[in-house]
């Protein structure tokens, strides 16, 4: 099985990074189609449009839930 780098890029105007992230994910979840770039090696990039599927979220019990502050990761915290 091969590995692929799949990216979706959006230019979003927002007040801060968190709002931009929420708006971007909201657009992906509510859209009819999502355009992505798929990179298989340094020179091969394929552009693909797939149907966006809106799924109902699974219920989470309070003991399994994660607080929003713990779940939020800024770009500067990523490796």
N, C-alpha and C. Protein backbone atom coordinates (compact mmCIF):
# COMPACT_ATOMS: atom_id res chain seq x y z
N UNK A 1 0.85 -1.17 0.00
CA UNK A 1 0.00 0.00 0.00
C UNK A 1 0.90 1.24 0.00
N UNK A 2 0.54 2.23 -0.79
CA UNK A 2 1.35 3.44 -0.93
C UNK A 2 0.82 4.56 -0.03
N UNK A 3 1.65 5.56 0.19
CA UNK A 3 1.26 6.74 0.94
C UNK A 3 1.07 7.90 -0.02
N UNK A 4 0.08 8.75 0.26
CA UNK A 4 -0.21 9.92 -0.56
C UNK A 4 -0.40 11.13 0.35
N UNK A 5 0.03 12.27 -0.12
CA UNK A 5 -0.21 13.53 0.59
C UNK A 5 -1.44 14.17 -0.05
N UNK A 6 -2.52 14.28 0.71
CA UNK A 6 -3.78 14.84 0.21
C UNK A 6 -3.99 16.18 0.88
N UNK A 7 -4.12 17.25 0.07
CA UNK A 7 -4.27 18.59 0.63
C UNK A 7 -5.49 19.29 0.03
N UNK A 8 -6.12 20.09 0.87
CA UNK A 8 -7.21 20.96 0.46
C UNK A 8 -6.84 22.34 0.96
N UNK A 9 -6.85 23.34 0.10
CA UNK A 9 -6.43 24.68 0.48
C UNK A 9 -7.59 25.65 0.28
N UNK A 10 -7.83 26.49 1.28
CA UNK A 10 -8.87 27.51 1.20
C UNK A 10 -8.31 28.82 1.71
N UNK A 11 -8.69 29.91 1.06
CA UNK A 11 -8.36 31.24 1.56
C UNK A 11 -9.59 31.73 2.30
N UNK A 12 -9.47 31.95 3.61
CA UNK A 12 -10.60 32.30 4.46
C UNK A 12 -10.29 33.57 5.23
N UNK A 13 -11.20 34.51 5.20
CA UNK A 13 -11.06 35.74 5.99
C UNK A 13 -11.74 35.50 7.35
N UNK A 14 -10.99 35.71 8.43
CA UNK A 14 -11.51 35.46 9.77
C UNK A 14 -10.80 36.36 10.78
N UNK A 15 -11.32 36.39 11.99
CA UNK A 15 -10.75 37.21 13.06
C UNK A 15 -9.46 36.61 13.62
N UNK A 16 -9.37 35.27 13.67
CA UNK A 16 -8.18 34.61 14.21
C UNK A 16 -8.06 33.20 13.62
N UNK A 17 -7.01 32.49 14.02
CA UNK A 17 -6.74 31.16 13.47
C UNK A 17 -7.85 30.17 13.80
N UNK A 18 -8.35 30.23 15.03
CA UNK A 18 -9.39 29.29 15.45
C UNK A 18 -10.66 29.48 14.61
N UNK A 19 -11.07 30.74 14.41
CA UNK A 19 -12.26 31.01 13.61
C UNK A 19 -12.04 30.56 12.17
N UNK A 20 -10.85 30.80 11.63
CA UNK A 20 -10.55 30.37 10.27
C UNK A 20 -10.63 28.84 10.15
N UNK A 21 -10.09 28.14 11.13
CA UNK A 21 -10.16 26.68 11.11
C UNK A 21 -11.59 26.19 11.18
N UNK A 22 -12.39 26.79 12.05
CA UNK A 22 -13.80 26.39 12.18
C UNK A 22 -14.56 26.66 10.89
N UNK A 23 -14.31 27.80 10.26
CA UNK A 23 -14.99 28.12 9.01
C UNK A 23 -14.56 27.16 7.90
N UNK A 24 -13.27 26.85 7.83
CA UNK A 24 -12.78 25.92 6.80
C UNK A 24 -13.38 24.54 6.95
N UNK A 25 -13.42 24.03 8.15
CA UNK A 25 -14.01 22.71 8.39
C UNK A 25 -15.50 22.75 8.11
N UNK A 26 -16.16 23.85 8.49
CA UNK A 26 -17.58 24.00 8.21
C UNK A 26 -17.88 23.96 6.72
N UNK A 27 -17.04 24.63 5.94
CA UNK A 27 -17.22 24.61 4.48
C UNK A 27 -17.04 23.21 3.92
N UNK A 28 -16.06 22.48 4.44
CA UNK A 28 -15.84 21.10 3.97
C UNK A 28 -17.03 20.22 4.31
N UNK A 29 -17.55 20.38 5.52
CA UNK A 29 -18.67 19.54 5.96
C UNK A 29 -19.97 19.86 5.22
N UNK A 30 -20.18 21.10 4.86
CA UNK A 30 -21.45 21.48 4.26
C UNK A 30 -21.43 21.53 2.74
N UNK A 31 -20.28 21.43 2.14
CA UNK A 31 -20.17 21.55 0.69
C UNK A 31 -20.65 20.33 -0.05
N UNK A 32 -20.98 20.53 -1.33
CA UNK A 32 -21.39 19.43 -2.17
C UNK A 32 -20.21 18.68 -2.74
N UNK A 33 -19.12 19.40 -3.01
CA UNK A 33 -17.92 18.78 -3.56
C UNK A 33 -16.69 19.39 -2.89
N UNK A 34 -15.64 18.62 -2.83
CA UNK A 34 -14.38 19.09 -2.26
C UNK A 34 -13.28 18.81 -3.28
N UNK A 35 -12.51 19.86 -3.63
CA UNK A 35 -11.38 19.70 -4.55
C UNK A 35 -10.12 19.52 -3.72
N UNK A 36 -9.34 18.50 -4.05
CA UNK A 36 -8.10 18.23 -3.33
C UNK A 36 -6.98 17.98 -4.33
N UNK A 37 -5.76 18.12 -3.86
CA UNK A 37 -4.57 17.75 -4.62
C UNK A 37 -3.98 16.51 -3.97
N UNK A 38 -3.63 15.54 -4.78
CA UNK A 38 -3.05 14.30 -4.28
C UNK A 38 -1.65 14.18 -4.85
N UNK A 39 -0.67 14.12 -3.96
CA UNK A 39 0.73 14.04 -4.36
C UNK A 39 1.27 12.65 -4.02
N UNK A 40 1.76 11.95 -5.03
CA UNK A 40 2.28 10.60 -4.79
C UNK A 40 3.80 10.56 -4.73
N UNK A 41 4.46 11.56 -5.33
CA UNK A 41 5.91 11.70 -5.23
C UNK A 41 6.26 13.16 -5.50
N UNK A 42 7.51 13.46 -5.63
CA UNK A 42 7.95 14.86 -5.77
C UNK A 42 7.44 15.54 -7.04
N UNK A 43 7.14 14.76 -8.07
CA UNK A 43 6.75 15.37 -9.36
C UNK A 43 5.32 15.09 -9.78
N UNK A 44 4.65 14.14 -9.14
CA UNK A 44 3.32 13.74 -9.57
C UNK A 44 2.25 14.28 -8.64
N UNK A 45 1.42 15.20 -9.15
CA UNK A 45 0.30 15.76 -8.40
C UNK A 45 -0.96 15.59 -9.24
N UNK A 46 -1.98 14.99 -8.66
CA UNK A 46 -3.25 14.78 -9.33
C UNK A 46 -4.31 15.61 -8.62
N UNK A 47 -5.15 16.32 -9.36
CA UNK A 47 -6.23 17.11 -8.79
C UNK A 47 -7.52 16.30 -8.91
N UNK A 48 -8.21 16.13 -7.78
CA UNK A 48 -9.39 15.28 -7.73
C UNK A 48 -10.53 16.06 -7.07
N UNK A 49 -11.74 15.90 -7.58
CA UNK A 49 -12.93 16.47 -6.95
C UNK A 49 -13.79 15.30 -6.48
N UNK A 50 -14.12 15.29 -5.19
CA UNK A 50 -14.93 14.21 -4.63
C UNK A 50 -16.18 14.81 -3.99
N UNK A 51 -17.22 14.01 -3.91
CA UNK A 51 -18.45 14.45 -3.27
C UNK A 51 -18.23 14.53 -1.77
N UNK A 52 -18.69 15.61 -1.16
CA UNK A 52 -18.62 15.74 0.30
C UNK A 52 -19.81 15.01 0.89
N UNK A 53 -19.56 14.16 1.87
CA UNK A 53 -20.61 13.40 2.52
C UNK A 53 -20.78 13.96 3.92
N UNK A 54 -21.99 14.40 4.24
CA UNK A 54 -22.26 14.92 5.56
C UNK A 54 -22.78 13.77 6.41
N UNK A 55 -22.01 13.43 7.43
CA UNK A 55 -22.39 12.33 8.31
C UNK A 55 -22.86 12.90 9.64
N UNK A 56 -23.76 12.18 10.28
CA UNK A 56 -24.22 12.59 11.60
C UNK A 56 -23.15 12.22 12.61
N UNK A 57 -22.77 13.16 13.51
CA UNK A 57 -21.75 12.83 14.51
C UNK A 57 -22.26 11.79 15.49
N UNK A 58 -21.36 10.93 15.94
CA UNK A 58 -21.72 9.94 16.94
C UNK A 58 -21.87 10.61 18.29
N UNK A 59 -22.83 10.16 19.10
CA UNK A 59 -22.97 10.76 20.43
C UNK A 59 -21.75 10.42 21.29
N UNK A 60 -21.31 11.38 22.09
CA UNK A 60 -20.15 11.19 22.96
C UNK A 60 -20.62 11.36 24.39
N UNK A 61 -20.31 10.37 25.22
CA UNK A 61 -20.69 10.50 26.63
C UNK A 61 -19.79 11.52 27.30
N UNK A 62 -20.28 12.20 28.35
CA UNK A 62 -19.46 13.23 29.02
C UNK A 62 -18.11 12.71 29.51
N UNK A 63 -18.02 11.44 29.91
CA UNK A 63 -16.74 10.91 30.39
C UNK A 63 -15.73 10.73 29.27
N UNK A 64 -16.21 10.59 28.01
CA UNK A 64 -15.31 10.41 26.88
C UNK A 64 -14.97 11.71 26.18
N UNK A 65 -15.69 12.76 26.51
CA UNK A 65 -15.50 14.03 25.83
C UNK A 65 -14.17 14.67 26.15
N UNK A 66 -13.72 15.53 25.25
CA UNK A 66 -12.47 16.27 25.43
C UNK A 66 -12.83 17.73 25.47
N UNK A 67 -12.25 18.46 26.41
CA UNK A 67 -12.56 19.88 26.50
C UNK A 67 -12.04 20.60 25.26
N UNK A 68 -12.74 21.66 24.81
CA UNK A 68 -12.30 22.37 23.60
C UNK A 68 -10.89 22.92 23.72
N UNK A 69 -10.50 23.36 24.91
CA UNK A 69 -9.16 23.92 25.05
C UNK A 69 -8.09 22.84 24.90
N UNK A 70 -8.39 21.62 25.33
CA UNK A 70 -7.42 20.53 25.19
C UNK A 70 -7.36 20.04 23.75
N UNK A 71 -8.46 20.15 23.03
CA UNK A 71 -8.50 19.65 21.66
C UNK A 71 -7.90 20.64 20.66
N UNK A 72 -7.82 21.90 21.02
CA UNK A 72 -7.31 22.91 20.10
C UNK A 72 -5.79 22.85 20.04
N UNK A 73 -5.27 22.81 18.83
CA UNK A 73 -3.82 22.80 18.63
C UNK A 73 -3.53 23.88 17.59
N UNK A 74 -2.67 24.79 17.92
CA UNK A 74 -2.31 25.81 16.95
C UNK A 74 -1.18 25.30 16.06
N UNK A 75 -1.02 25.93 14.94
CA UNK A 75 0.01 25.52 13.98
C UNK A 75 1.40 25.57 14.60
N UNK A 76 1.64 26.50 15.52
CA UNK A 76 2.96 26.59 16.13
C UNK A 76 3.25 25.43 17.05
N UNK A 77 2.21 24.69 17.51
CA UNK A 77 2.41 23.56 18.39
C UNK A 77 2.64 22.26 17.63
N UNK A 78 2.37 22.24 16.32
CA UNK A 78 2.56 21.04 15.54
C UNK A 78 4.04 20.79 15.29
N UNK A 79 4.41 19.50 15.18
CA UNK A 79 5.83 19.18 14.95
C UNK A 79 6.28 19.62 13.58
